[in-house]
């Protein structure tokens, strides 16, 4: 009787250790998946920004061309520079609403939301 109880305890302990190993493996795989999603999103954002930058520069030069029709060339460049500084100031003032909140919401959903396919 005592031997049977000891064997059952050993079997339970063995299964518990196996379960813990499987849970650790699941945690590693889940963390790897979420880090891959995060890295992919960051890379796509960086590529998007790199491709968007020349387009913005071209639009700014076009805007200088439009302003040149109404004012001298140096004043047109200063006006476009002022517009760019104004846009940067607005982005800086609204950085929490425009940048910080969406990024934190994305990261919190990615890491804290339960996966519906698991368990």
N, C-alpha and C. Protein backbone atom coordinates (compact mmCIF):
# COMPACT_ATOMS: atom_id res chain seq x y z
N UNK A 1 0.82 -1.20 0.00
CA UNK A 1 0.00 0.00 0.00
C UNK A 1 0.86 1.26 0.00
N UNK A 2 1.88 1.26 0.88
CA UNK A 2 2.76 2.39 0.97
C UNK A 2 3.55 2.56 -0.32
N UNK A 3 3.98 1.44 -0.91
CA UNK A 3 4.75 1.47 -2.15
C UNK A 3 3.90 2.03 -3.29
N UNK A 4 2.63 1.67 -3.32
CA UNK A 4 1.75 2.15 -4.37
C UNK A 4 1.54 3.67 -4.25
N UNK A 5 1.40 4.16 -3.04
CA UNK A 5 1.23 5.59 -2.79
C UNK A 5 2.49 6.35 -3.21
N UNK A 6 3.65 5.82 -2.88
CA UNK A 6 4.91 6.46 -3.25
C UNK A 6 5.05 6.50 -4.77
N UNK A 7 4.69 5.39 -5.43
CA UNK A 7 4.75 5.35 -6.89
C UNK A 7 3.80 6.37 -7.51
N UNK A 8 2.61 6.51 -6.94
CA UNK A 8 1.66 7.50 -7.46
C UNK A 8 2.16 8.92 -7.25
N UNK A 9 2.80 9.18 -6.12
CA UNK A 9 3.36 10.50 -5.85
C UNK A 9 4.50 10.79 -6.82
N UNK A 10 5.35 9.79 -7.08
CA UNK A 10 6.44 9.96 -8.04
C UNK A 10 5.88 10.24 -9.44
N UNK A 11 4.84 9.51 -9.82
CA UNK A 11 4.22 9.71 -11.13
C UNK A 11 3.59 11.12 -11.22
N UNK A 12 2.92 11.54 -10.16
CA UNK A 12 2.34 12.87 -10.12
C UNK A 12 3.42 13.94 -10.22
N UNK A 13 4.51 13.74 -9.50
CA UNK A 13 5.63 14.69 -9.56
C UNK A 13 6.24 14.72 -10.96
N UNK A 14 6.40 13.57 -11.57
CA UNK A 14 6.96 13.48 -12.91
C UNK A 14 6.05 14.20 -13.91
N UNK A 15 4.76 14.00 -13.80
CA UNK A 15 3.82 14.68 -14.69
C UNK A 15 3.80 16.19 -14.45
N UNK A 16 3.96 16.58 -13.19
CA UNK A 16 3.99 18.01 -12.86
C UNK A 16 5.23 18.68 -13.47
N UNK A 17 6.36 18.00 -13.39
CA UNK A 17 7.58 18.53 -13.98
C UNK A 17 7.43 18.62 -15.49
N UNK A 18 6.85 17.59 -16.11
CA UNK A 18 6.63 17.59 -17.55
C UNK A 18 5.68 18.74 -17.94
N UNK A 19 4.62 18.93 -17.17
CA UNK A 19 3.67 20.02 -17.43
C UNK A 19 4.37 21.37 -17.32
N UNK A 20 5.22 21.55 -16.30
CA UNK A 20 5.93 22.81 -16.12
C UNK A 20 6.87 23.07 -17.30
N UNK A 21 7.54 22.03 -17.80
CA UNK A 21 8.42 22.18 -18.95
C UNK A 21 7.61 22.60 -20.18
N UNK A 22 6.46 21.97 -20.38
CA UNK A 22 5.62 22.32 -21.52
C UNK A 22 5.09 23.76 -21.41
N UNK A 23 4.73 24.18 -20.21
CA UNK A 23 4.26 25.55 -20.01
C UNK A 23 5.37 26.55 -20.30
N UNK A 24 6.59 26.24 -19.87
CA UNK A 24 7.72 27.14 -20.15
C UNK A 24 7.97 27.23 -21.66
N UNK A 25 7.86 26.11 -22.35
CA UNK A 25 8.03 26.10 -23.80
C UNK A 25 6.94 26.94 -24.47
N UNK A 26 5.71 26.82 -23.98
CA UNK A 26 4.60 27.62 -24.51
C UNK A 26 4.84 29.11 -24.28
N UNK A 27 5.34 29.47 -23.11
CA UNK A 27 5.63 30.87 -22.81
C UNK A 27 6.72 31.39 -23.74
N UNK A 28 7.75 30.59 -23.97
CA UNK A 28 8.83 31.00 -24.87
C UNK A 28 8.29 31.21 -26.29
N UNK A 29 7.47 30.29 -26.76
CA UNK A 29 6.92 30.42 -28.11
C UNK A 29 6.00 31.63 -28.23
N UNK A 30 5.19 31.87 -27.22
CA UNK A 30 4.30 33.02 -27.22
C UNK A 30 5.09 34.33 -27.22
N UNK A 31 6.14 34.37 -26.38
CA UNK A 31 6.97 35.58 -26.33
C UNK A 31 7.67 35.79 -27.66
N UNK A 32 8.17 34.72 -28.27
CA UNK A 32 8.83 34.85 -29.57
C UNK A 32 7.85 35.35 -30.63
N UNK A 33 6.63 34.82 -30.62
CA UNK A 33 5.62 35.26 -31.59
C UNK A 33 5.32 36.74 -31.43
N UNK A 34 5.15 37.19 -30.19
CA UNK A 34 4.82 38.59 -29.95
C UNK A 34 5.98 39.51 -30.29
N UNK A 35 7.21 39.07 -30.02
CA UNK A 35 8.37 39.87 -30.39
C UNK A 35 8.53 39.96 -31.90
N UNK A 36 8.20 38.88 -32.61
CA UNK A 36 8.26 38.90 -34.07
C UNK A 36 7.22 39.88 -34.62
N UNK A 37 6.02 39.87 -34.06
CA UNK A 37 4.98 40.81 -34.50
C UNK A 37 5.43 42.24 -34.23
N UNK A 38 6.00 42.48 -33.05
CA UNK A 38 6.47 43.82 -32.69
C UNK A 38 7.60 44.26 -33.61
N UNK A 39 8.57 43.39 -33.85
CA UNK A 39 9.69 43.74 -34.73
C UNK A 39 9.21 43.97 -36.15
N UNK A 40 8.30 43.15 -36.61
CA UNK A 40 7.75 43.33 -37.96
C UNK A 40 7.03 44.66 -38.10
N UNK A 41 6.28 45.03 -37.09
CA UNK A 41 5.58 46.31 -37.11
C UNK A 41 6.57 47.47 -37.11
N UNK A 42 7.61 47.37 -36.30
CA UNK A 42 8.62 48.43 -36.27
C UNK A 42 9.35 48.54 -37.60
N UNK A 43 9.68 47.41 -38.20
CA UNK A 43 10.37 47.43 -39.49
C UNK A 43 9.47 48.02 -40.57
N UNK A 44 8.20 47.62 -40.58
CA UNK A 44 7.27 48.18 -41.57
C UNK A 44 7.10 49.68 -41.36
N UNK A 45 7.03 50.12 -40.13
CA UNK A 45 6.92 51.56 -39.85
C UNK A 45 8.16 52.31 -40.32
N UNK A 46 9.34 51.73 -40.09
CA UNK A 46 10.57 52.38 -40.53
C UNK A 46 10.64 52.45 -42.05
N UNK A 47 10.27 51.37 -42.73
CA UNK A 47 10.27 51.37 -44.20
C UNK A 47 9.27 52.41 -44.72
N UNK A 48 8.10 52.46 -44.10
CA UNK A 48 7.08 53.43 -44.51
C UNK A 48 7.61 54.85 -44.36
N UNK A 49 8.27 55.13 -43.23
CA UNK A 49 8.79 56.47 -43.00
C UNK A 49 9.91 56.80 -43.98
N UNK A 50 10.78 55.84 -44.27
CA UNK A 50 11.87 56.09 -45.22
C UNK A 50 11.33 56.36 -46.63
N UNK A 51 10.27 55.68 -47.01
CA UNK A 51 9.69 55.91 -48.33
C UNK A 51 8.85 57.18 -48.37
N UNK A 52 8.30 57.56 -47.24
CA UNK A 52 7.46 58.75 -47.18
C UNK A 52 8.28 60.03 -47.15
N UNK A 53 9.48 59.97 -46.61
CA UNK A 53 10.31 61.16 -46.46
C UNK A 53 10.60 61.86 -47.80
N UNK A 54 11.04 61.15 -48.84
CA UNK A 54 11.27 61.85 -50.13
C UNK A 54 9.98 62.45 -50.70
N UNK A 55 8.86 61.80 -50.49
CA UNK A 55 7.59 62.32 -50.98
C UNK A 55 7.27 63.64 -50.29
N UNK A 56 7.48 63.69 -48.98
CA UNK A 56 7.22 64.92 -48.23
C UNK A 56 8.15 66.03 -48.72
N UNK A 57 9.42 65.70 -48.96
CA UNK A 57 10.36 66.71 -49.44
C UNK A 57 9.92 67.24 -50.81
N UNK A 58 9.46 66.36 -51.68
CA UNK A 58 8.99 66.81 -53.00
C UNK A 58 7.77 67.72 -52.87
N UNK A 59 6.84 67.35 -51.99
CA UNK A 59 5.67 68.21 -51.78
C UNK A 59 6.07 69.57 -51.22
N UNK A 60 7.07 69.60 -50.35
CA UNK A 60 7.51 70.87 -49.79
C UNK A 60 8.14 71.75 -50.88
N UNK A 61 8.94 71.15 -51.75
CA UNK A 61 9.51 71.93 -52.86
C UNK A 61 8.40 72.43 -53.81
N UNK A 62 7.39 71.59 -54.02
CA UNK A 62 6.25 72.02 -54.85
C UNK A 62 5.53 73.19 -54.18
N UNK A 63 5.40 73.13 -52.87
CA UNK A 63 4.76 74.23 -52.14
C UNK A 63 5.58 75.50 -52.25
N UNK A 64 6.90 75.38 -52.22
CA UNK A 64 7.77 76.54 -52.43
C UNK A 64 7.52 77.12 -53.82
N UNK A 65 7.36 76.23 -54.81
CA UNK A 65 7.08 76.70 -56.17
C UNK A 65 5.77 77.46 -56.24
N UNK A 66 4.76 76.99 -55.51
CA UNK A 66 3.48 77.70 -55.50
C UNK A 66 3.63 79.05 -54.82
N UNK A 67 4.30 79.07 -53.67
CA UNK A 67 4.46 80.33 -52.95
C UNK A 67 5.34 81.31 -53.73
N UNK A 68 6.23 80.79 -54.57
CA UNK A 68 7.12 81.65 -55.35
C UNK A 68 6.34 82.53 -56.32
N UNK A 69 5.16 82.07 -56.69
CA UNK A 69 4.33 82.88 -57.59
C UNK A 69 3.82 84.14 -56.90
N UNK A 70 3.72 84.11 -55.59
CA UNK A 70 3.13 85.22 -54.85
C UNK A 70 4.15 86.04 -54.06
N UNK A 71 5.36 85.52 -53.87
CA UNK A 71 6.35 86.21 -53.04
C UNK A 71 7.76 85.89 -53.54
N UNK A 72 8.74 86.64 -53.09
CA UNK A 72 10.12 86.34 -53.50
C UNK A 72 10.55 84.94 -53.02
N UNK A 73 11.52 84.37 -53.72
CA UNK A 73 11.96 82.99 -53.45
C UNK A 73 12.43 82.78 -52.01
N UNK A 74 13.28 83.67 -51.44
CA UNK A 74 13.69 83.42 -50.05
C UNK A 74 12.51 83.43 -49.08
N UNK A 75 11.56 84.31 -49.32
CA UNK A 75 10.38 84.37 -48.45
C UNK A 75 9.52 83.11 -48.62
N UNK A 76 9.48 82.56 -49.83
CA UNK A 76 8.73 81.31 -50.06
C UNK A 76 9.35 80.17 -49.25
N UNK A 77 10.70 80.09 -49.28
CA UNK A 77 11.38 79.06 -48.49
C UNK A 77 11.16 79.26 -46.99
N UNK A 78 11.21 80.50 -46.54
CA UNK A 78 10.96 80.78 -45.12
C UNK A 78 9.53 80.43 -44.73
N UNK A 79 8.58 80.70 -45.60
CA UNK A 79 7.19 80.38 -45.31
C UNK A 79 7.00 78.86 -45.19
N UNK A 80 7.56 78.11 -46.12
CA UNK A 80 7.45 76.65 -46.05
C UNK A 80 8.17 76.12 -44.82
N UNK A 81 9.32 76.69 -44.49
CA UNK A 81 10.02 76.29 -43.26
C UNK A 81 9.18 76.57 -42.03
N UNK A 82 8.50 77.71 -42.02
CA UNK A 82 7.60 78.04 -40.91
C UNK A 82 6.44 77.07 -40.81
N UNK A 83 5.89 76.67 -41.96
CA UNK A 83 4.80 75.70 -41.96
C UNK A 83 5.28 74.37 -41.39
N UNK A 84 6.49 73.95 -41.79
CA UNK A 84 7.04 72.69 -41.28
C UNK A 84 7.25 72.78 -39.77
N UNK A 85 7.79 73.91 -39.30
CA UNK A 85 7.98 74.08 -37.85
C UNK A 85 6.64 74.08 -37.12
N UNK A 86 5.62 74.69 -37.70
CA UNK A 86 4.29 74.71 -37.09
C UNK A 86 3.71 73.29 -36.99
N UNK A 87 3.87 72.52 -38.07
CA UNK A 87 3.39 71.13 -38.04
C UNK A 87 4.14 70.32 -36.98
N UNK A 88 5.47 70.51 -36.89
CA UNK A 88 6.26 69.81 -35.87
C UNK A 88 5.82 70.22 -34.46
N UNK A 89 5.51 71.51 -34.28
CA UNK A 89 5.05 71.99 -32.97
C UNK A 89 3.71 71.35 -32.60
N UNK A 90 2.80 71.26 -33.56
CA UNK A 90 1.50 70.63 -33.30
C UNK A 90 1.68 69.15 -32.96
N UNK A 91 2.55 68.47 -33.70
CA UNK A 91 2.82 67.06 -33.40
C UNK A 91 3.43 66.92 -32.02
N UNK A 92 4.34 67.84 -31.65
CA UNK A 92 4.96 67.78 -30.32
C UNK A 92 3.92 68.02 -29.22
N UNK A 93 3.05 68.99 -29.43
CA UNK A 93 2.04 69.29 -28.42
C UNK A 93 1.05 68.12 -28.28
N UNK A 94 0.68 67.51 -29.40
CA UNK A 94 -0.28 66.41 -29.38
C UNK A 94 0.39 65.04 -29.40
N UNK A 95 1.66 64.96 -28.97
CA UNK A 95 2.41 63.70 -29.07
C UNK A 95 1.77 62.58 -28.25
N UNK A 96 1.16 62.91 -27.13
CA UNK A 96 0.55 61.86 -26.32
C UNK A 96 -0.63 61.24 -27.07
N UNK A 97 -1.46 62.06 -27.65
CA UNK A 97 -2.64 61.58 -28.36
C UNK A 97 -2.29 60.95 -29.71
N UNK A 98 -1.30 61.51 -30.39
CA UNK A 98 -0.96 61.04 -31.74
C UNK A 98 0.04 59.89 -31.77
N UNK A 99 0.95 59.83 -30.79
CA UNK A 99 2.03 58.85 -30.85
C UNK A 99 2.02 57.91 -29.64
N UNK A 100 2.07 58.46 -28.45
CA UNK A 100 2.26 57.64 -27.25
C UNK A 100 1.06 56.73 -26.99
N UNK A 101 -0.16 57.27 -27.03
CA UNK A 101 -1.33 56.43 -26.76
C UNK A 101 -1.51 55.31 -27.77
N UNK A 102 -1.42 55.55 -29.08
CA UNK A 102 -1.56 54.43 -30.02
C UNK A 102 -0.47 53.37 -29.87
N UNK A 103 0.77 53.81 -29.64
CA UNK A 103 1.86 52.84 -29.47
C UNK A 103 1.66 52.02 -28.20
N UNK A 104 1.31 52.67 -27.11
CA UNK A 104 1.10 51.93 -25.86
C UNK A 104 -0.11 51.01 -25.96
N UNK A 105 -1.15 51.43 -26.67
CA UNK A 105 -2.32 50.58 -26.86
C UNK A 105 -1.96 49.35 -27.68
N UNK A 106 -1.15 49.54 -28.74
CA UNK A 106 -0.72 48.41 -29.57
C UNK A 106 0.12 47.43 -28.77
N UNK A 107 1.08 47.95 -27.99
CA UNK A 107 1.96 47.06 -27.23
C UNK A 107 1.19 46.36 -26.12
N UNK A 108 0.30 47.07 -25.45
CA UNK A 108 -0.47 46.42 -24.38
C UNK A 108 -1.41 45.36 -24.94
N UNK A 109 -2.03 45.61 -26.09
CA UNK A 109 -2.88 44.58 -26.70
C UNK A 109 -2.04 43.39 -27.13
N UNK A 110 -0.85 43.67 -27.63
CA UNK A 110 0.00 42.59 -28.12
C UNK A 110 0.46 41.69 -26.98
N UNK A 111 0.87 42.29 -25.87
CA UNK A 111 1.45 41.49 -24.79
C UNK A 111 0.48 41.09 -23.69
N UNK A 112 -0.61 41.83 -23.51
CA UNK A 112 -1.49 41.55 -22.39
C UNK A 112 -2.79 40.87 -22.77
N UNK A 113 -3.22 41.00 -24.03
CA UNK A 113 -4.49 40.41 -24.44
C UNK A 113 -4.34 38.90 -24.55
N UNK A 114 -5.33 38.20 -24.06
CA UNK A 114 -5.32 36.74 -24.14
C UNK A 114 -5.50 36.31 -25.58
N UNK A 115 -4.74 35.31 -25.97
CA UNK A 115 -4.87 34.74 -27.30
C UNK A 115 -6.07 33.80 -27.31
N UNK A 116 -7.01 33.98 -28.22
CA UNK A 116 -8.23 33.18 -28.23
C UNK A 116 -7.99 31.77 -28.70
N UNK A 117 -6.86 31.50 -29.33
CA UNK A 117 -6.58 30.15 -29.82
C UNK A 117 -5.88 29.30 -28.78
N UNK A 118 -5.39 29.89 -27.71
CA UNK A 118 -4.64 29.10 -26.72
C UNK A 118 -5.57 28.42 -25.73
N UNK A 119 -5.12 27.35 -25.22
CA UNK A 119 -5.80 26.53 -24.19
C UNK A 119 -7.28 26.53 -24.42
